[in-house]
Amino acid sequence: MKKYIVLILSLSAFLYSNNIDGKEVFKTYCWGCHHETAEAFGPPFSEIAAKRTRDEIAAYIIDPKAMYEAFGYKRSVMTEFNLNDKERDAVVDYVLLQKGK
């Protein structure tokens, strides 16, 4: 029985450590130019979430220059960050949570 409890606790810790918090990714990489609902150097996440799909947001994070041109933006190109897939997905989820705020 003790082995099963240790196994379950170990598995829970492993799964928890693999979760990436989109808000933390936002604070680390995005907050300098974006805010959740207020205009900053870049548009607020609430505006992005209202205009763009999950795939468009992810594509913009992967290749800001290409998407900047595709969307016809007039502002400066977003800085490229080398986020891994989990970080990117987490921050995209966080952006989409701002829709309607």
PDB file of N, CA and C in Angstrom:
ATOM      1  N   MET A   1       0.828  -1.194   0.000  1.00  0.00           N
ATOM      2  CA  MET A   1       0.000   0.000   0.000  1.00  0.00           C
ATOM      3  C   MET A   1       0.875   1.262   0.000  1.00  0.00           C
ATOM      4  N   LYS A   2       1.934   1.214   0.801  1.00  0.00           N
ATOM      5  CA  LYS A   2       2.830   2.352   0.887  1.00  0.00           C
ATOM      6  C   LYS A   2       3.446   2.676  -0.475  1.00  0.00           C
ATOM      7  N   LYS A   3       3.784   1.636  -1.235  1.00  0.00           N
ATOM      8  CA  LYS A   3       4.375   1.827  -2.563  1.00  0.00           C
ATOM      9  C   LYS A   3       3.408   2.555  -3.489  1.00  0.00           C
ATOM     10  N   TYR A   4       2.129   2.214  -3.397  1.00  0.00           N
ATOM     11  CA  TYR A   4       1.131   2.848  -4.260  1.00  0.00           C
ATOM     12  C   TYR A   4       0.961   4.328  -3.922  1.00  0.00           C
ATOM     13  N   ILE A   5       0.988   4.633  -2.647  1.00  0.00           N
ATOM     14  CA  ILE A   5       0.861   6.031  -2.237  1.00  0.00           C
ATOM     15  C   ILE A   5       2.060   6.835  -2.742  1.00  0.00           C
ATOM     16  N   VAL A   6       3.256   6.285  -2.587  1.00  0.00           N
ATOM     17  CA  VAL A   6       4.462   6.951  -3.072  1.00  0.00           C
ATOM     18  C   VAL A   6       4.397   7.119  -4.588  1.00  0.00           C
ATOM     19  N   LEU A   7       3.940   6.090  -5.284  1.00  0.00           N
ATOM     20  CA  LEU A   7       3.811   6.154  -6.739  1.00  0.00           C
ATOM     21  C   LEU A   7       2.828   7.245  -7.155  1.00  0.00           C
ATOM     22  N   ILE A   8       1.698   7.300  -6.501  1.00  0.00           N
ATOM     23  CA  ILE A   8       0.679   8.310  -6.827  1.00  0.00           C
ATOM     24  C   ILE A   8       1.214   9.715  -6.543  1.00  0.00           C
ATOM     25  N   LEU A   9       1.869   9.896  -5.410  1.00  0.00           N
ATOM     26  CA  LEU A   9       2.431  11.213  -5.091  1.00  0.00           C
ATOM     27  C   LEU A   9       3.520  11.613  -6.074  1.00  0.00           C
ATOM     28  N   SER A  10       4.347  10.661  -6.463  1.00  0.00           N
ATOM     29  CA  SER A  10       5.404  10.946  -7.440  1.00  0.00           C
ATOM     30  C   SER A  10       4.816  11.332  -8.787  1.00  0.00           C
ATOM     31  N   LEU A  11       3.801  10.594  -9.215  1.00  0.00           N
ATOM     32  CA  LEU A  11       3.146  10.893 -10.489  1.00  0.00           C
ATOM     33  C   LEU A  11       2.485  12.265 -10.442  1.00  0.00           C
ATOM     34  N   SER A  12       1.829  12.575  -9.336  1.00  0.00           N
ATOM     35  CA  SER A  12       1.189  13.889  -9.195  1.00  0.00           C
ATOM     36  C   SER A  12       2.221  15.010  -9.268  1.00  0.00           C
ATOM     37  N   ALA A  13       3.345  14.825  -8.593  1.00  0.00           N
ATOM     38  CA  ALA A  13       4.403  15.844  -8.623  1.00  0.00           C
ATOM     39  C   ALA A  13       4.960  16.004 -10.028  1.00  0.00           C
ATOM     40  N   PHE A  14       5.137  14.893 -10.741  1.00  0.00           N
ATOM     41  CA  PHE A  14       5.637  14.941 -12.114  1.00  0.00           C
ATOM     42  C   PHE A  14       4.666  15.699 -13.014  1.00  0.00           C
ATOM     43  N   LEU A  15       3.389  15.369 -12.914  1.00  0.00           N
ATOM     44  CA  LEU A  15       2.393  16.039 -13.753  1.00  0.00           C
ATOM     45  C   LEU A  15       2.307  17.518 -13.415  1.00  0.00           C
ATOM     46  N   TYR A  16       2.375  17.849 -12.148  1.00  0.00           N
ATOM     47  CA  TYR A  16       2.313  19.248 -11.743  1.00  0.00           C
ATOM     48  C   TYR A  16       3.516  20.022 -12.279  1.00  0.00           C
ATOM     49  N   SER A  17       4.694  19.415 -12.207  1.00  0.00           N
ATOM     50  CA  SER A  17       5.901  20.105 -12.667  1.00  0.00           C
ATOM     51  C   SER A  17       5.905  20.315 -14.174  1.00  0.00           C
ATOM     52  N   ASN A  18       5.130  19.520 -14.918  1.00  0.00           N
ATOM     53  CA  ASN A  18       5.064  19.672 -16.368  1.00  0.00           C
ATOM     54  C   ASN A  18       3.990  20.665 -16.808  1.00  0.00           C
ATOM     55  N   ASN A  19       3.153  21.114 -15.873  1.00  0.00           N
ATOM     56  CA  ASN A  19       2.166  22.133 -16.203  1.00  0.00           C
ATOM     57  C   ASN A  19       2.857  23.480 -16.296  1.00  0.00           C
ATOM     58  N   ILE A  20       2.527  24.222 -17.300  1.00  0.00           N
ATOM     59  CA  ILE A  20       3.113  25.550 -17.469  1.00  0.00           C
ATOM     60  C   ILE A  20       1.980  26.558 -17.374  1.00  0.00           C
ATOM     61  N   ASP A  21       2.169  27.542 -16.542  1.00  0.00           N
ATOM     62  CA  ASP A  21       1.165  28.561 -16.297  1.00  0.00           C
ATOM     63  C   ASP A  21       1.316  29.673 -17.333  1.00  0.00           C
ATOM     64  N   GLY A  22       0.278  29.863 -18.137  1.00  0.00           N
ATOM     65  CA  GLY A  22       0.309  30.887 -19.171  1.00  0.00           C
ATOM     66  C   GLY A  22       0.530  32.283 -18.624  1.00  0.00           C
ATOM     67  N   LYS A  23      -0.005  32.550 -17.435  1.00  0.00           N
ATOM     68  CA  LYS A  23       0.194  33.872 -16.840  1.00  0.00           C
ATOM     69  C   LYS A  23       1.669  34.090 -16.498  1.00  0.00           C
ATOM     70  N   GLU A  24       2.345  33.040 -16.062  1.00  0.00           N
ATOM     71  CA  GLU A  24       3.774  33.155 -15.761  1.00  0.00           C
ATOM     72  C   GLU A  24       4.589  33.375 -17.038  1.00  0.00           C
ATOM     73  N   VAL A  25       4.209  32.696 -18.119  1.00  0.00           N
ATOM     74  CA  VAL A  25       4.886  32.913 -19.407  1.00  0.00           C
ATOM     75  C   VAL A  25       4.657  34.363 -19.840  1.00  0.00           C
ATOM     76  N   PHE A  26       3.429  34.833 -19.701  1.00  0.00           N
ATOM     77  CA  PHE A  26       3.087  36.222 -20.013  1.00  0.00           C
ATOM     78  C   PHE A  26       3.968  37.192 -19.219  1.00  0.00           C
ATOM     79  N   LYS A  27       4.076  36.969 -17.910  1.00  0.00           N
ATOM     80  CA  LYS A  27       4.882  37.861 -17.068  1.00  0.00           C
ATOM     81  C   LYS A  27       6.352  37.852 -17.488  1.00  0.00           C
ATOM     82  N   THR A  28       6.834  36.694 -17.891  1.00  0.00           N
ATOM     83  CA  THR A  28       8.243  36.556 -18.249  1.00  0.00           C
ATOM     84  C   THR A  28       8.571  37.179 -19.597  1.00  0.00           C
ATOM     85  N   TYR A  29       7.723  36.947 -20.595  1.00  0.00           N
ATOM     86  CA  TYR A  29       8.068  37.332 -21.967  1.00  0.00           C
ATOM     87  C   TYR A  29       7.230  38.472 -22.551  1.00  0.00           C
ATOM     88  N   CYS A  30       5.996  38.604 -22.142  1.00  0.00           N
ATOM     89  CA  CYS A  30       5.055  39.475 -22.859  1.00  0.00           C
ATOM     90  C   CYS A  30       4.756  40.799 -22.162  1.00  0.00           C
ATOM     91  N   TRP A  31       4.864  40.806 -20.848  1.00  0.00           N
ATOM     92  CA  TRP A  31       4.386  41.932 -20.070  1.00  0.00           C
ATOM     93  C   TRP A  31       5.065  43.249 -20.409  1.00  0.00           C
ATOM     94  N   GLY A  32       6.276  43.228 -20.900  1.00  0.00           N
ATOM     95  CA  GLY A  32       6.959  44.470 -21.257  1.00  0.00           C
ATOM     96  C   GLY A  32       6.246  45.256 -22.346  1.00  0.00           C
ATOM     97  N   CYS A  33       5.507  44.567 -23.206  1.00  0.00           N
ATOM     98  CA  CYS A  33       4.829  45.233 -24.330  1.00  0.00           C
ATOM     99  C   CYS A  33       3.311  45.061 -24.323  1.00  0.00           C
ATOM    100  N   HIS A  34       2.804  44.049 -23.657  1.00  0.00           N
ATOM    101  CA  HIS A  34       1.363  43.765 -23.655  1.00  0.00           C
ATOM    102  C   HIS A  34       0.824  43.754 -22.228  1.00  0.00           C
ATOM    103  N   HIS A  35      -0.444  44.095 -22.112  1.00  0.00           N
ATOM    104  CA  HIS A  35      -1.167  43.945 -20.849  1.00  0.00           C
ATOM    105  C   HIS A  35      -2.452  43.202 -21.173  1.00  0.00           C
ATOM    106  N   GLU A  36      -3.100  42.688 -20.141  1.00  0.00           N
ATOM    107  CA  GLU A  36      -4.288  41.883 -20.387  1.00  0.00           C
ATOM    108  C   GLU A  36      -5.389  42.685 -21.086  1.00  0.00           C
ATOM    109  N   THR A  37      -5.700  43.858 -20.547  1.00  0.00           N
ATOM    110  CA  THR A  37      -6.837  44.608 -21.084  1.00  0.00           C
ATOM    111  C   THR A  37      -6.517  46.058 -21.442  1.00  0.00           C
ATOM    112  N   ALA A  38      -5.313  46.520 -21.163  1.00  0.00           N
ATOM    113  CA  ALA A  38      -4.956  47.918 -21.425  1.00  0.00           C
ATOM    114  C   ALA A  38      -3.969  48.016 -22.584  1.00  0.00           C
ATOM    115  N   GLU A  39      -4.068  49.092 -23.321  1.00  0.00           N
ATOM    116  CA  GLU A  39      -3.140  49.359 -24.419  1.00  0.00           C
ATOM    117  C   GLU A  39      -1.762  49.654 -23.839  1.00  0.00           C
ATOM    118  N   ALA A  40      -0.757  49.042 -24.400  1.00  0.00           N
ATOM    119  CA  ALA A  40       0.636  49.299 -24.019  1.00  0.00           C
ATOM    120  C   ALA A  40       1.390  49.498 -25.329  1.00  0.00           C
ATOM    121  N   PHE A  41       2.640  49.103 -25.397  1.00  0.00           N
ATOM    122  CA  PHE A  41       3.369  49.193 -26.663  1.00  0.00           C
ATOM    123  C   PHE A  41       2.704  48.299 -27.707  1.00  0.00           C
ATOM    124  N   GLY A  42       2.284  47.124 -27.284  1.00  0.00           N
ATOM    125  CA  GLY A  42       1.539  46.200 -28.141  1.00  0.00           C
ATOM    126  C   GLY A  42       0.074  46.199 -27.736  1.00  0.00           C
ATOM    127  N   PRO A  43      -0.778  45.614 -28.558  1.00  0.00           N
ATOM    128  CA  PRO A  43      -2.207  45.595 -28.238  1.00  0.00           C
ATOM    129  C   PRO A  43      -2.495  44.728 -27.014  1.00  0.00           C
ATOM    130  N   PRO A  44      -3.582  45.039 -26.298  1.00  0.00           N
ATOM    131  CA  PRO A  44      -3.941  44.219 -25.145  1.00  0.00           C
ATOM    132  C   PRO A  44      -4.372  42.818 -25.575  1.00  0.00           C
ATOM    133  N   PHE A  45      -4.170  41.861 -24.689  1.00  0.00           N
ATOM    134  CA  PHE A  45      -4.558  40.484 -24.993  1.00  0.00           C
ATOM    135  C   PHE A  45      -6.054  40.374 -25.267  1.00  0.00           C
ATOM    136  N   SER A  46      -6.865  41.198 -24.604  1.00  0.00           N
ATOM    137  CA  SER A  46      -8.310  41.136 -24.838  1.00  0.00           C
ATOM    138  C   SER A  46      -8.636  41.469 -26.295  1.00  0.00           C
ATOM    139  N   GLU A  47      -7.920  42.423 -26.871  1.00  0.00           N
ATOM    140  CA  GLU A  47      -8.123  42.792 -28.280  1.00  0.00           C
ATOM    141  C   GLU A  47      -7.633  41.681 -29.212  1.00  0.00           C
ATOM    142  N   ILE A  48      -6.478  41.123 -28.895  1.00  0.00           N
ATOM    143  CA  ILE A  48      -5.943  40.026 -29.709  1.00  0.00           C
ATOM    144  C   ILE A  48      -6.908  38.847 -29.688  1.00  0.00           C
ATOM    145  N   ALA A  49      -7.403  38.497 -28.500  1.00  0.00           N
ATOM    146  CA  ALA A  49      -8.312  37.354 -28.359  1.00  0.00           C
ATOM    147  C   ALA A  49      -9.617  37.572 -29.116  1.00  0.00           C
ATOM    148  N   ALA A  50     -10.057  38.822 -29.202  1.00  0.00           N
ATOM    149  CA  ALA A  50     -11.299  39.126 -29.909  1.00  0.00           C
ATOM    150  C   ALA A  50     -11.138  39.035 -31.423  1.00  0.00           C
ATOM    151  N   LYS A  51      -9.920  39.248 -31.922  1.00  0.00           N
ATOM    152  CA  LYS A  51      -9.695  39.313 -33.366  1.00  0.00           C
ATOM    153  C   LYS A  51      -9.069  38.066 -33.973  1.00  0.00           C
ATOM    154  N   ARG A  52      -8.337  37.292 -33.184  1.00  0.00           N
ATOM    155  CA  ARG A  52      -7.519  36.213 -33.742  1.00  0.00           C
ATOM    156  C   ARG A  52      -7.915  34.845 -33.211  1.00  0.00           C
ATOM    157  N   THR A  53      -7.681  33.841 -34.040  1.00  0.00           N
ATOM    158  CA  THR A  53      -7.933  32.455 -33.643  1.00  0.00           C
ATOM    159  C   THR A  53      -6.725  31.918 -32.880  1.00  0.00           C
ATOM    160  N   ARG A  54      -6.919  30.786 -32.253  1.00  0.00           N
ATOM    161  CA  ARG A  54      -5.828  30.101 -31.551  1.00  0.00           C
ATOM    162  C   ARG A  54      -4.645  29.882 -32.491  1.00  0.00           C
ATOM    163  N   ASP A  55      -4.925  29.383 -33.692  1.00  0.00           N
ATOM    164  CA  ASP A  55      -3.854  29.097 -34.648  1.00  0.00           C
ATOM    165  C   ASP A  55      -3.127  30.364 -35.085  1.00  0.00           C
ATOM    166  N   GLU A  56      -3.859  31.452 -35.275  1.00  0.00           N
ATOM    167  CA  GLU A  56      -3.226  32.712 -35.677  1.00  0.00           C
ATOM    168  C   GLU A  56      -2.318  33.256 -34.573  1.00  0.00           C
ATOM    169  N   ILE A  57      -2.779  33.167 -33.341  1.00  0.00           N
ATOM    170  CA  ILE A  57      -1.968  33.652 -32.220  1.00  0.00           C
ATOM    171  C   ILE A  57      -0.699  32.817 -32.099  1.00  0.00           C
ATOM    172  N   ALA A  58      -0.847  31.501 -32.189  1.00  0.00           N
ATOM    173  CA  ALA A  58       0.319  30.609 -32.102  1.00  0.00           C
ATOM    174  C   ALA A  58       1.293  30.887 -33.245  1.00  0.00           C
ATOM    175  N   ALA A  59       0.774  31.068 -34.451  1.00  0.00           N
ATOM    176  CA  ALA A  59       1.632  31.341 -35.608  1.00  0.00           C
ATOM    177  C   ALA A  59       2.373  32.661 -35.431  1.00  0.00           C
ATOM    178  N   TYR A  60       1.710  33.655 -34.862  1.00  0.00           N
ATOM    179  CA  TYR A  60       2.351  34.948 -34.633  1.00  0.00           C
ATOM    180  C   TYR A  60       3.491  34.819 -33.630  1.00  0.00           C
ATOM    181  N   ILE A  61       3.300  33.993 -32.610  1.00  0.00           N
ATOM    182  CA  ILE A  61       4.361  33.779 -31.620  1.00  0.00           C
ATOM    183  C   ILE A  61       5.542  33.050 -32.259  1.00  0.00           C
ATOM    184  N   ILE A  62       5.256  32.089 -33.119  1.00  0.00           N
ATOM    185  CA  ILE A  62       6.316  31.307 -33.772  1.00  0.00           C
ATOM    186  C   ILE A  62       7.122  32.165 -34.741  1.00  0.00           C
ATOM    187  N   ASP A  63       6.432  32.954 -35.566  1.00  0.00           N
ATOM    188  CA  ASP A  63       7.125  33.756 -36.584  1.00  0.00           C
ATOM    189  C   ASP A  63       6.481  35.140 -36.684  1.00  0.00           C
ATOM    190  N   PRO A  64       6.825  36.028 -35.753  1.00  0.00           N
ATOM    191  CA  PRO A  64       6.189  37.344 -35.728  1.00  0.00           C
ATOM    192  C   PRO A  64       6.331  38.134 -37.026  1.00  0.00           C
ATOM    193  N   LYS A  65       7.489  38.075 -37.658  1.00  0.00           N
ATOM    194  CA  LYS A  65       7.708  38.868 -38.878  1.00  0.00           C
ATOM    195  C   LYS A  65       6.777  38.429 -40.005  1.00  0.00           C
ATOM    196  N   ALA A  66       6.656  37.129 -40.222  1.00  0.00           N
ATOM    197  CA  ALA A  66       5.791  36.622 -41.293  1.00  0.00           C
ATOM    198  C   ALA A  66       4.328  36.971 -41.029  1.00  0.00           C
ATOM    199  N   MET A  67       3.892  36.823 -39.783  1.00  0.00           N
ATOM    200  CA  MET A  67       2.494  37.110 -39.469  1.00  0.00           C
ATOM    201  C   MET A  67       2.227  38.614 -39.465  1.00  0.00           C
ATOM    202  N   TYR A  68       3.198  39.398 -39.078  1.00  0.00           N
ATOM    203  CA  TYR A  68       3.093  40.853 -39.125  1.00  0.00           C
ATOM    204  C   TYR A  68       2.752  41.287 -40.549  1.00  0.00           C
ATOM    205  N   GLU A  69       3.488  40.734 -41.498  1.00  0.00           N
ATOM    206  CA  GLU A  69       3.246  41.057 -42.905  1.00  0.00           C
ATOM    207  C   GLU A  69       1.903  40.502 -43.378  1.00  0.00           C
ATOM    208  N   ALA A  70       1.575  39.280 -42.975  1.00  0.00           N
ATOM    209  CA  ALA A  70       0.313  38.654 -43.397  1.00  0.00           C
ATOM    210  C   ALA A  70      -0.897  39.419 -42.868  1.00  0.00           C
ATOM    211  N   PHE A  71      -0.801  39.940 -41.641  1.00  0.00           N
ATOM    212  CA  PHE A  71      -1.913  40.677 -41.041  1.00  0.00           C
ATOM    213  C   PHE A  71      -1.951  42.138 -41.480  1.00  0.00           C
ATOM    214  N   GLY A  72      -0.886  42.610 -42.125  1.00  0.00           N
ATOM    215  CA  GLY A  72      -0.844  43.994 -42.577  1.00  0.00           C
ATOM    216  C   GLY A  72      -0.686  45.001 -41.453  1.00  0.00           C
ATOM    217  N   TYR A  73      -0.026  44.611 -40.379  1.00  0.00           N
ATOM    218  CA  TYR A  73       0.178  45.516 -39.248  1.00  0.00           C
ATOM    219  C   TYR A  73       1.099  46.665 -39.624  1.00  0.00           C
ATOM    220  N   LYS A  74       0.906  47.790 -38.964  1.00  0.00           N
ATOM    221  CA  LYS A  74       1.708  48.984 -39.209  1.00  0.00           C
ATOM    222  C   LYS A  74       2.670  49.277 -38.057  1.00  0.00           C
ATOM    223  N   ARG A  75       2.501  48.603 -36.945  1.00  0.00           N
ATOM    224  CA  ARG A  75       3.369  48.821 -35.784  1.00  0.00           C
ATOM    225  C   ARG A  75       4.687  48.091 -35.969  1.00  0.00           C
ATOM    226  N   SER A  76       5.543  48.204 -34.975  1.00  0.00           N
ATOM    227  CA  SER A  76       6.804  47.459 -34.975  1.00  0.00           C
ATOM    228  C   SER A  76       6.524  45.964 -34.870  1.00  0.00           C
ATOM    229  N   VAL A  77       7.417  45.182 -35.426  1.00  0.00           N
ATOM    230  CA  VAL A  77       7.287  43.729 -35.353  1.00  0.00           C
ATOM    231  C   VAL A  77       7.574  43.279 -33.926  1.00  0.00           C
ATOM    232  N   MET A  78       6.772  42.337 -33.442  1.00  0.00           N
ATOM    233  CA  MET A  78       6.971  41.774 -32.112  1.00  0.00           C
ATOM    234  C   MET A  78       8.321  41.058 -32.041  1.00  0.00           C
ATOM    235  N   THR A  79       8.951  41.143 -30.893  1.00  0.00           N
ATOM    236  CA  THR A  79      10.202  40.426 -30.657  1.00  0.00           C
ATOM    237  C   THR A  79       9.944  38.928 -30.744  1.00  0.00           C
ATOM    238  N   GLU A  80      10.875  38.211 -31.340  1.00  0.00           N
ATOM    239  CA  GLU A  80      10.742  36.757 -31.435  1.00  0.00           C
ATOM    240  C   GLU A  80      11.313  36.119 -30.176  1.00  0.00           C
ATOM    241  N   PHE A  81      10.514  35.263 -29.551  1.00  0.00           N
ATOM    242  CA  PHE A  81      10.946  34.513 -28.376  1.00  0.00           C
ATOM    243  C   PHE A  81      10.954  33.044 -28.746  1.00  0.00           C
ATOM    244  N   ASN A  82      11.948  32.341 -28.292  1.00  0.00           N
ATOM    245  CA  ASN A  82      12.035  30.910 -28.583  1.00  0.00           C
ATOM    246  C   ASN A  82      11.309  30.113 -27.510  1.00  0.00           C
ATOM    247  N   LEU A  83       9.994  30.219 -27.495  1.00  0.00           N
ATOM    248  CA  LEU A  83       9.196  29.461 -26.537  1.00  0.00           C
ATOM    249  C   LEU A  83       9.083  28.023 -27.011  1.00  0.00           C
ATOM    250  N   ASN A  84       9.081  27.097 -26.068  1.00  0.00           N
ATOM    251  CA  ASN A  84       8.816  25.716 -26.462  1.00  0.00           C
ATOM    252  C   ASN A  84       7.310  25.550 -26.667  1.00  0.00           C
ATOM    253  N   ASP A  85       6.900  24.403 -27.157  1.00  0.00           N
ATOM    254  CA  ASP A  85       5.485  24.180 -27.480  1.00  0.00           C
ATOM    255  C   ASP A  85       4.579  24.366 -26.267  1.00  0.00           C
ATOM    256  N   LYS A  86       5.004  23.867 -25.112  1.00  0.00           N
ATOM    257  CA  LYS A  86       4.175  23.980 -23.905  1.00  0.00           C
ATOM    258  C   LYS A  86       4.036  25.432 -23.460  1.00  0.00           C
ATOM    259  N   GLU A  87       5.117  26.183 -23.511  1.00  0.00           N
ATOM    260  CA  GLU A  87       5.056  27.600 -23.146  1.00  0.00           C
ATOM    261  C   GLU A  87       4.154  28.359 -24.109  1.00  0.00           C
ATOM    262  N   ARG A  88       4.325  28.092 -25.398  1.00  0.00           N
ATOM    263  CA  ARG A  88       3.504  28.772 -26.407  1.00  0.00           C
ATOM    264  C   ARG A  88       2.033  28.449 -26.199  1.00  0.00           C
ATOM    265  N   ASP A  89       1.705  27.173 -26.034  1.00  0.00           N
ATOM    266  CA  ASP A  89       0.309  26.780 -25.839  1.00  0.00           C
ATOM    267  C   ASP A  89      -0.270  27.413 -24.574  1.00  0.00           C
ATOM    268  N   ALA A  90       0.533  27.468 -23.524  1.00  0.00           N
ATOM    269  CA  ALA A  90       0.066  28.051 -22.264  1.00  0.00           C
ATOM    270  C   ALA A  90      -0.230  29.536 -22.417  1.00  0.00           C
ATOM    271  N   VAL A  91       0.638  30.266 -23.103  1.00  0.00           N
ATOM    272  CA  VAL A  91       0.401  31.700 -23.255  1.00  0.00           C
ATOM    273  C   VAL A  91      -0.741  31.959 -24.237  1.00  0.00           C
ATOM    274  N   VAL A  92      -0.905  31.116 -25.249  1.00  0.00           N
ATOM    275  CA  VAL A  92      -2.053  31.254 -26.158  1.00  0.00           C
ATOM    276  C   VAL A  92      -3.345  31.048 -25.370  1.00  0.00           C
ATOM    277  N   ASP A  93      -3.382  30.032 -24.519  1.00  0.00           N
ATOM    278  CA  ASP A  93      -4.562  29.810 -23.671  1.00  0.00           C
ATOM    279  C   ASP A  93      -4.834  31.036 -22.807  1.00  0.00           C
ATOM    280  N   TYR A  94      -3.772  31.609 -22.254  1.00  0.00           N
ATOM    281  CA  TYR A  94      -3.927  32.784 -21.400  1.00  0.00           C
ATOM    282  C   TYR A  94      -4.448  33.980 -22.200  1.00  0.00           C
ATOM    283  N   VAL A  95      -3.943  34.175 -23.385  1.00  0.00           N
ATOM    284  CA  VAL A  95      -4.439  35.259 -24.245  1.00  0.00           C
ATOM    285  C   VAL A  95      -5.934  35.072 -24.490  1.00  0.00           C
ATOM    286  N   LEU A  96      -6.328  33.870 -24.839  1.00  0.00           N
ATOM    287  CA  LEU A  96      -7.733  33.610 -25.165  1.00  0.00           C
ATOM    288  C   LEU A  96      -8.654  33.764 -23.957  1.00  0.00           C
ATOM    289  N   LEU A  97      -8.125  33.586 -22.754  1.00  0.00           N
ATOM    290  CA  LEU A  97      -8.924  33.816 -21.542  1.00  0.00           C
ATOM    291  C   LEU A  97      -9.301  35.287 -21.379  1.00  0.00           C
ATOM    292  N   GLN A  98      -8.590  36.170 -22.051  1.00  0.00           N
ATOM    293  CA  GLN A  98      -8.846  37.607 -21.927  1.00  0.00           C
ATOM    294  C   GLN A  98      -9.965  38.084 -22.852  1.00  0.00           C
ATOM    295  N   LYS A  99     -10.473  37.204 -23.696  1.00  0.00           N
ATOM    296  CA  LYS A  99     -11.531  37.577 -24.644  1.00  0.00           C
ATOM    297  C   LYS A  99     -12.759  38.073 -23.880  1.00  0.00           C
ATOM    298  N   GLY A 100     -13.254  39.211 -24.283  1.00  0.00           N
ATOM    299  CA  GLY A 100     -14.459  39.768 -23.681  1.00  0.00           C
ATOM    300  C   GLY A 100     -14.225  40.565 -22.409  1.00  0.00           C
ATOM    301  N   LYS A 101     -12.986  40.746 -22.024  1.00  0.00           N
ATOM    302  CA  LYS A 101     -12.705  41.515 -20.792  1.00  0.00           C
ATOM    303  C   LYS A 101     -12.487  42.972 -21.116  1.00  0.00           C
TER     304      LYS A 101
END
